[in-house]
PDB file of N, CA and C in Angstrom:
ATOM      1  N   MET A   1      -3.457   4.165  12.716  1.00  0.00           N
ATOM      2  CA  MET A   1      -2.597   5.290  12.409  1.00  0.00           C
ATOM      3  C   MET A   1      -3.386   6.571  12.677  1.00  0.00           C
ATOM      4  N   PRO A   2      -2.792   7.523  13.390  1.00  0.00           N
ATOM      5  CA  PRO A   2      -3.493   8.781  13.662  1.00  0.00           C
ATOM      6  C   PRO A   2      -3.898   9.498  12.368  1.00  0.00           C
ATOM      7  N   GLU A   3      -5.027  10.150  12.427  1.00  0.00           N
ATOM      8  CA  GLU A   3      -5.601  10.808  11.245  1.00  0.00           C
ATOM      9  C   GLU A   3      -4.659  11.827  10.616  1.00  0.00           C
ATOM     10  N   ASN A   4      -3.935  12.604  11.419  1.00  0.00           N
ATOM     11  CA  ASN A   4      -3.094  13.660  10.847  1.00  0.00           C
ATOM     12  C   ASN A   4      -1.892  13.100  10.085  1.00  0.00           C
ATOM     13  N   TYR A   5      -1.519  11.853  10.314  1.00  0.00           N
ATOM     14  CA  TYR A   5      -0.416  11.250   9.564  1.00  0.00           C
ATOM     15  C   TYR A   5      -0.867  10.670   8.230  1.00  0.00           C
ATOM     16  N   ARG A   6      -2.150  10.443   8.073  1.00  0.00           N
ATOM     17  CA  ARG A   6      -2.651   9.815   6.847  1.00  0.00           C
ATOM     18  C   ARG A   6      -2.525  10.710   5.629  1.00  0.00           C
ATOM     19  N   ASN A   7      -2.355  11.991   5.834  1.00  0.00           N
ATOM     20  CA  ASN A   7      -2.243  12.917   4.712  1.00  0.00           C
ATOM     21  C   ASN A   7      -0.840  12.965   4.132  1.00  0.00           C
ATOM     22  N   TYR A   8       0.113  12.324   4.762  1.00  0.00           N
ATOM     23  CA  TYR A   8       1.494  12.330   4.294  1.00  0.00           C
ATOM     24  C   TYR A   8       1.785  11.038   3.545  1.00  0.00           C
ATOM     25  N   ASN A   9       2.053  11.160   2.237  1.00  0.00           N
ATOM     26  CA  ASN A   9       2.306   9.972   1.423  1.00  0.00           C
ATOM     27  C   ASN A   9       3.500   9.172   1.915  1.00  0.00           C
ATOM     28  N   ILE A  10       4.524   9.845   2.397  1.00  0.00           N
ATOM     29  CA  ILE A  10       5.724   9.127   2.839  1.00  0.00           C
ATOM     30  C   ILE A  10       5.386   8.211   4.012  1.00  0.00           C
ATOM     31  N   THR A  11       4.658   8.729   4.977  1.00  0.00           N
ATOM     32  CA  THR A  11       4.289   7.932   6.147  1.00  0.00           C
ATOM     33  C   THR A  11       3.370   6.788   5.758  1.00  0.00           C
ATOM     34  N   SER A  12       2.379   7.073   4.936  1.00  0.00           N
ATOM     35  CA  SER A  12       1.432   6.046   4.516  1.00  0.00           C
ATOM     36  C   SER A  12       2.114   4.970   3.680  1.00  0.00           C
ATOM     37  N   THR A  13       2.990   5.376   2.776  1.00  0.00           N
ATOM     38  CA  THR A  13       3.695   4.410   1.939  1.00  0.00           C
ATOM     39  C   THR A  13       4.611   3.532   2.781  1.00  0.00           C
ATOM     40  N   SER A  14       5.263   4.105   3.762  1.00  0.00           N
ATOM     41  CA  SER A  14       6.112   3.318   4.662  1.00  0.00           C
ATOM     42  C   SER A  14       5.284   2.316   5.454  1.00  0.00           C
ATOM     43  N   ALA A  15       4.114   2.738   5.901  1.00  0.00           N
ATOM     44  CA  ALA A  15       3.229   1.829   6.637  1.00  0.00           C
ATOM     45  C   ALA A  15       2.754   0.695   5.736  1.00  0.00           C
ATOM     46  N   ILE A  16       2.416   1.013   4.485  1.00  0.00           N
ATOM     47  CA  ILE A  16       2.007  -0.018   3.528  1.00  0.00           C
ATOM     48  C   ILE A  16       3.131  -1.023   3.330  1.00  0.00           C
ATOM     49  N   ASP A  17       4.336  -0.531   3.127  1.00  0.00           N
ATOM     50  CA  ASP A  17       5.493  -1.402   2.919  1.00  0.00           C
ATOM     51  C   ASP A  17       5.710  -2.315   4.127  1.00  0.00           C
ATOM     52  N   MET A  18       5.652  -1.762   5.325  1.00  0.00           N
ATOM     53  CA  MET A  18       5.854  -2.549   6.540  1.00  0.00           C
ATOM     54  C   MET A  18       4.777  -3.623   6.692  1.00  0.00           C
ATOM     55  N   LEU A  19       3.522  -3.234   6.505  1.00  0.00           N
ATOM     56  CA  LEU A  19       2.425  -4.182   6.664  1.00  0.00           C
ATOM     57  C   LEU A  19       2.497  -5.306   5.640  1.00  0.00           C
ATOM     58  N   MET A  20       2.847  -4.967   4.411  1.00  0.00           N
ATOM     59  CA  MET A  20       2.980  -5.995   3.379  1.00  0.00           C
ATOM     60  C   MET A  20       4.108  -6.969   3.720  1.00  0.00           C
ATOM     61  N   LYS A  21       5.210  -6.460   4.260  1.00  0.00           N
ATOM     62  CA  LYS A  21       6.327  -7.335   4.642  1.00  0.00           C
ATOM     63  C   LYS A  21       5.919  -8.301   5.743  1.00  0.00           C
ATOM     64  N   PHE A  22       5.021  -7.864   6.626  1.00  0.00           N
ATOM     65  CA  PHE A  22       4.538  -8.738   7.690  1.00  0.00           C
ATOM     66  C   PHE A  22       3.361  -9.602   7.240  1.00  0.00           C
ATOM     67  N   GLY A  23       2.901  -9.414   6.003  1.00  0.00           N
ATOM     68  CA  GLY A  23       1.811 -10.224   5.471  1.00  0.00           C
ATOM     69  C   GLY A  23       0.427  -9.725   5.832  1.00  0.00           C
ATOM     70  N   ASP A  24       0.317  -8.524   6.362  1.00  0.00           N
ATOM     71  CA  ASP A  24      -0.982  -7.952   6.720  1.00  0.00           C
ATOM     72  C   ASP A  24      -1.516  -7.148   5.534  1.00  0.00           C
ATOM     73  N   VAL A  25      -1.961  -7.873   4.524  1.00  0.00           N
ATOM     74  CA  VAL A  25      -2.390  -7.260   3.264  1.00  0.00           C
ATOM     75  C   VAL A  25      -3.650  -6.425   3.463  1.00  0.00           C
ATOM     76  N   GLU A  26      -4.580  -6.905   4.273  1.00  0.00           N
ATOM     77  CA  GLU A  26      -5.836  -6.175   4.485  1.00  0.00           C
ATOM     78  C   GLU A  26      -5.596  -4.776   5.050  1.00  0.00           C
ATOM     79  N   SER A  27      -4.740  -4.674   6.036  1.00  0.00           N
ATOM     80  CA  SER A  27      -4.455  -3.360   6.629  1.00  0.00           C
ATOM     81  C   SER A  27      -3.743  -2.453   5.636  1.00  0.00           C
ATOM     82  N   ALA A  28      -2.834  -3.025   4.853  1.00  0.00           N
ATOM     83  CA  ALA A  28      -2.134  -2.240   3.834  1.00  0.00           C
ATOM     84  C   ALA A  28      -3.120  -1.719   2.793  1.00  0.00           C
ATOM     85  N   GLU A  29      -4.066  -2.564   2.391  1.00  0.00           N
ATOM     86  CA  GLU A  29      -5.080  -2.134   1.422  1.00  0.00           C
ATOM     87  C   GLU A  29      -5.960  -1.037   2.006  1.00  0.00           C
ATOM     88  N   ARG A  30      -6.276  -1.128   3.278  1.00  0.00           N
ATOM     89  CA  ARG A  30      -7.104  -0.107   3.929  1.00  0.00           C
ATOM     90  C   ARG A  30      -6.397   1.247   3.918  1.00  0.00           C
ATOM     91  N   ILE A  31      -5.099   1.243   4.219  1.00  0.00           N
ATOM     92  CA  ILE A  31      -4.334   2.492   4.187  1.00  0.00           C
ATOM     93  C   ILE A  31      -4.247   3.016   2.762  1.00  0.00           C
ATOM     94  N   PHE A  32      -4.013   2.130   1.795  1.00  0.00           N
ATOM     95  CA  PHE A  32      -3.922   2.528   0.391  1.00  0.00           C
ATOM     96  C   PHE A  32      -5.215   3.210  -0.059  1.00  0.00           C
ATOM     97  N   ARG A  33      -6.349   2.631   0.309  1.00  0.00           N
ATOM     98  CA  ARG A  33      -7.639   3.221  -0.068  1.00  0.00           C
ATOM     99  C   ARG A  33      -7.861   4.574   0.595  1.00  0.00           C
ATOM    100  N   SER A  34      -7.281   4.783   1.771  1.00  0.00           N
ATOM    101  CA  SER A  34      -7.507   6.043   2.489  1.00  0.00           C
ATOM    102  C   SER A  34      -6.656   7.197   1.957  1.00  0.00           C
ATOM    103  N   ILE A  35      -5.647   6.895   1.144  1.00  0.00           N
ATOM    104  CA  ILE A  35      -4.777   7.941   0.608  1.00  0.00           C
ATOM    105  C   ILE A  35      -5.528   8.682  -0.495  1.00  0.00           C
ATOM    106  N   LYS A  36      -5.644   9.983  -0.343  1.00  0.00           N
ATOM    107  CA  LYS A  36      -6.393  10.778  -1.317  1.00  0.00           C
ATOM    108  C   LYS A  36      -5.624  10.983  -2.612  1.00  0.00           C
ATOM    109  N   THR A  37      -4.344  11.312  -2.512  1.00  0.00           N
ATOM    110  CA  THR A  37      -3.516  11.567  -3.687  1.00  0.00           C
ATOM    111  C   THR A  37      -2.398  10.535  -3.732  1.00  0.00           C
ATOM    112  N   LYS A  38      -2.622   9.490  -4.506  1.00  0.00           N
ATOM    113  CA  LYS A  38      -1.622   8.428  -4.616  1.00  0.00           C
ATOM    114  C   LYS A  38      -0.565   8.815  -5.650  1.00  0.00           C
ATOM    115  N   ASN A  39       0.679   8.387  -5.415  1.00  0.00           N
ATOM    116  CA  ASN A  39       1.738   8.649  -6.383  1.00  0.00           C
ATOM    117  C   ASN A  39       2.369   7.330  -6.825  1.00  0.00           C
ATOM    118  N   ILE A  40       3.346   7.407  -7.707  1.00  0.00           N
ATOM    119  CA  ILE A  40       3.960   6.211  -8.279  1.00  0.00           C
ATOM    120  C   ILE A  40       4.649   5.370  -7.207  1.00  0.00           C
ATOM    121  N   ILE A  41       5.170   6.008  -6.180  1.00  0.00           N
ATOM    122  CA  ILE A  41       5.855   5.269  -5.113  1.00  0.00           C
ATOM    123  C   ILE A  41       4.846   4.481  -4.280  1.00  0.00           C
ATOM    124  N   THR A  42       3.685   5.062  -4.050  1.00  0.00           N
ATOM    125  CA  THR A  42       2.637   4.366  -3.309  1.00  0.00           C
ATOM    126  C   THR A  42       2.160   3.144  -4.085  1.00  0.00           C
ATOM    127  N   TYR A  43       1.926   3.326  -5.384  1.00  0.00           N
ATOM    128  CA  TYR A  43       1.532   2.185  -6.214  1.00  0.00           C
ATOM    129  C   TYR A  43       2.629   1.133  -6.245  1.00  0.00           C
ATOM    130  N   GLY A  44       3.877   1.564  -6.313  1.00  0.00           N
ATOM    131  CA  GLY A  44       5.004   0.630  -6.322  1.00  0.00           C
ATOM    132  C   GLY A  44       5.072  -0.198  -5.051  1.00  0.00           C
ATOM    133  N   ALA A  45       4.796   0.422  -3.914  1.00  0.00           N
ATOM    134  CA  ALA A  45       4.793  -0.308  -2.640  1.00  0.00           C
ATOM    135  C   ALA A  45       3.703  -1.371  -2.626  1.00  0.00           C
ATOM    136  N   MET A  46       2.551  -1.025  -3.189  1.00  0.00           N
ATOM    137  CA  MET A  46       1.460  -2.001  -3.244  1.00  0.00           C
ATOM    138  C   MET A  46       1.808  -3.161  -4.170  1.00  0.00           C
ATOM    139  N   VAL A  47       2.330  -2.854  -5.347  1.00  0.00           N
ATOM    140  CA  VAL A  47       2.688  -3.913  -6.302  1.00  0.00           C
ATOM    141  C   VAL A  47       3.754  -4.818  -5.694  1.00  0.00           C
ATOM    142  N   LYS A  48       4.781  -4.222  -5.121  1.00  0.00           N
ATOM    143  CA  LYS A  48       5.853  -5.001  -4.495  1.00  0.00           C
ATOM    144  C   LYS A  48       5.300  -5.873  -3.366  1.00  0.00           C
ATOM    145  N   GLY A  49       4.392  -5.327  -2.585  1.00  0.00           N
ATOM    146  CA  GLY A  49       3.785  -6.084  -1.492  1.00  0.00           C
ATOM    147  C   GLY A  49       2.946  -7.242  -1.978  1.00  0.00           C
ATOM    148  N   TYR A  50       2.147  -7.005  -3.014  1.00  0.00           N
ATOM    149  CA  TYR A  50       1.348  -8.094  -3.577  1.00  0.00           C
ATOM    150  C   TYR A  50       2.242  -9.196  -4.133  1.00  0.00           C
ATOM    151  N   VAL A  51       3.277  -8.821  -4.855  1.00  0.00           N
ATOM    152  CA  VAL A  51       4.194  -9.814  -5.425  1.00  0.00           C
ATOM    153  C   VAL A  51       4.898 -10.572  -4.300  1.00  0.00           C
ATOM    154  N   GLY A  52       5.330  -9.867  -3.274  1.00  0.00           N
ATOM    155  CA  GLY A  52       5.991 -10.510  -2.141  1.00  0.00           C
ATOM    156  C   GLY A  52       5.094 -11.481  -1.394  1.00  0.00           C
ATOM    157  N   ASN A  53       3.791 -11.238  -1.455  1.00  0.00           N
ATOM    158  CA  ASN A  53       2.820 -12.122  -0.816  1.00  0.00           C
ATOM    159  C   ASN A  53       2.171 -13.074  -1.817  1.00  0.00           C
ATOM    160  N   GLU A  54       2.773 -13.167  -2.996  1.00  0.00           N
ATOM    161  CA  GLU A  54       2.333 -14.065  -4.073  1.00  0.00           C
ATOM    162  C   GLU A  54       0.882 -13.826  -4.482  1.00  0.00           C
ATOM    163  N   MET A  55       0.495 -12.569  -4.556  1.00  0.00           N
ATOM    164  CA  MET A  55      -0.843 -12.174  -5.001  1.00  0.00           C
ATOM    165  C   MET A  55      -0.693 -11.454  -6.342  1.00  0.00           C
ATOM    166  N   PHE A  56      -0.284 -12.217  -7.339  1.00  0.00           N
ATOM    167  CA  PHE A  56       0.081 -11.651  -8.629  1.00  0.00           C
ATOM    168  C   PHE A  56      -1.102 -11.016  -9.356  1.00  0.00           C
ATOM    169  N   GLU A  57      -2.291 -11.607  -9.223  1.00  0.00           N
ATOM    170  CA  GLU A  57      -3.485 -11.047  -9.873  1.00  0.00           C
ATOM    171  C   GLU A  57      -3.790  -9.642  -9.341  1.00  0.00           C
ATOM    172  N   LYS A  58      -3.696  -9.475  -8.034  1.00  0.00           N
ATOM    173  CA  LYS A  58      -3.971  -8.160  -7.444  1.00  0.00           C
ATOM    174  C   LYS A  58      -2.935  -7.137  -7.891  1.00  0.00           C
ATOM    175  N   ALA A  59      -1.688  -7.583  -8.040  1.00  0.00           N
ATOM    176  CA  ALA A  59      -0.639  -6.673  -8.518  1.00  0.00           C
ATOM    177  C   ALA A  59      -0.968  -6.189  -9.922  1.00  0.00           C
ATOM    178  N   LEU A  60      -1.412  -7.094 -10.775  1.00  0.00           N
ATOM    179  CA  LEU A  60      -1.777  -6.717 -12.143  1.00  0.00           C
ATOM    180  C   LEU A  60      -3.022  -5.836 -12.174  1.00  0.00           C
ATOM    181  N   ASP A  61      -3.949  -6.069 -11.258  1.00  0.00           N
ATOM    182  CA  ASP A  61      -5.181  -5.270 -11.215  1.00  0.00           C
ATOM    183  C   ASP A  61      -4.913  -3.794 -10.928  1.00  0.00           C
ATOM    184  N   LEU A  62      -3.823  -3.486 -10.247  1.00  0.00           N
ATOM    185  CA  LEU A  62      -3.504  -2.075  -9.970  1.00  0.00           C
ATOM    186  C   LEU A  62      -3.197  -1.295 -11.244  1.00  0.00           C
ATOM    187  N   PHE A  63      -2.801  -1.989 -12.291  1.00  0.00           N
ATOM    188  CA  PHE A  63      -2.485  -1.307 -13.544  1.00  0.00           C
ATOM    189  C   PHE A  63      -3.737  -0.912 -14.315  1.00  0.00           C
ATOM    190  N   GLU A  64      -4.872  -1.450 -13.958  1.00  0.00           N
ATOM    191  CA  GLU A  64      -6.117  -1.137 -14.678  1.00  0.00           C
ATOM    192  C   GLU A  64      -6.785   0.098 -14.148  1.00  0.00           C
TER     193      GLU A  64
END
């Protein structure tokens, strides 16, 4: 993803959602870590993605 798009939460969250749907959890996690200011929607996309990929422990770890 181009650097100038990484600063937009909407674009990053959409990319996370897409990658999680395709099962590319590592790439989604990399984008999540690169987001400087995370919001509730970004966290929600990660939780939904982990649950969709049956990674329940990782979903719970986001709450800590």
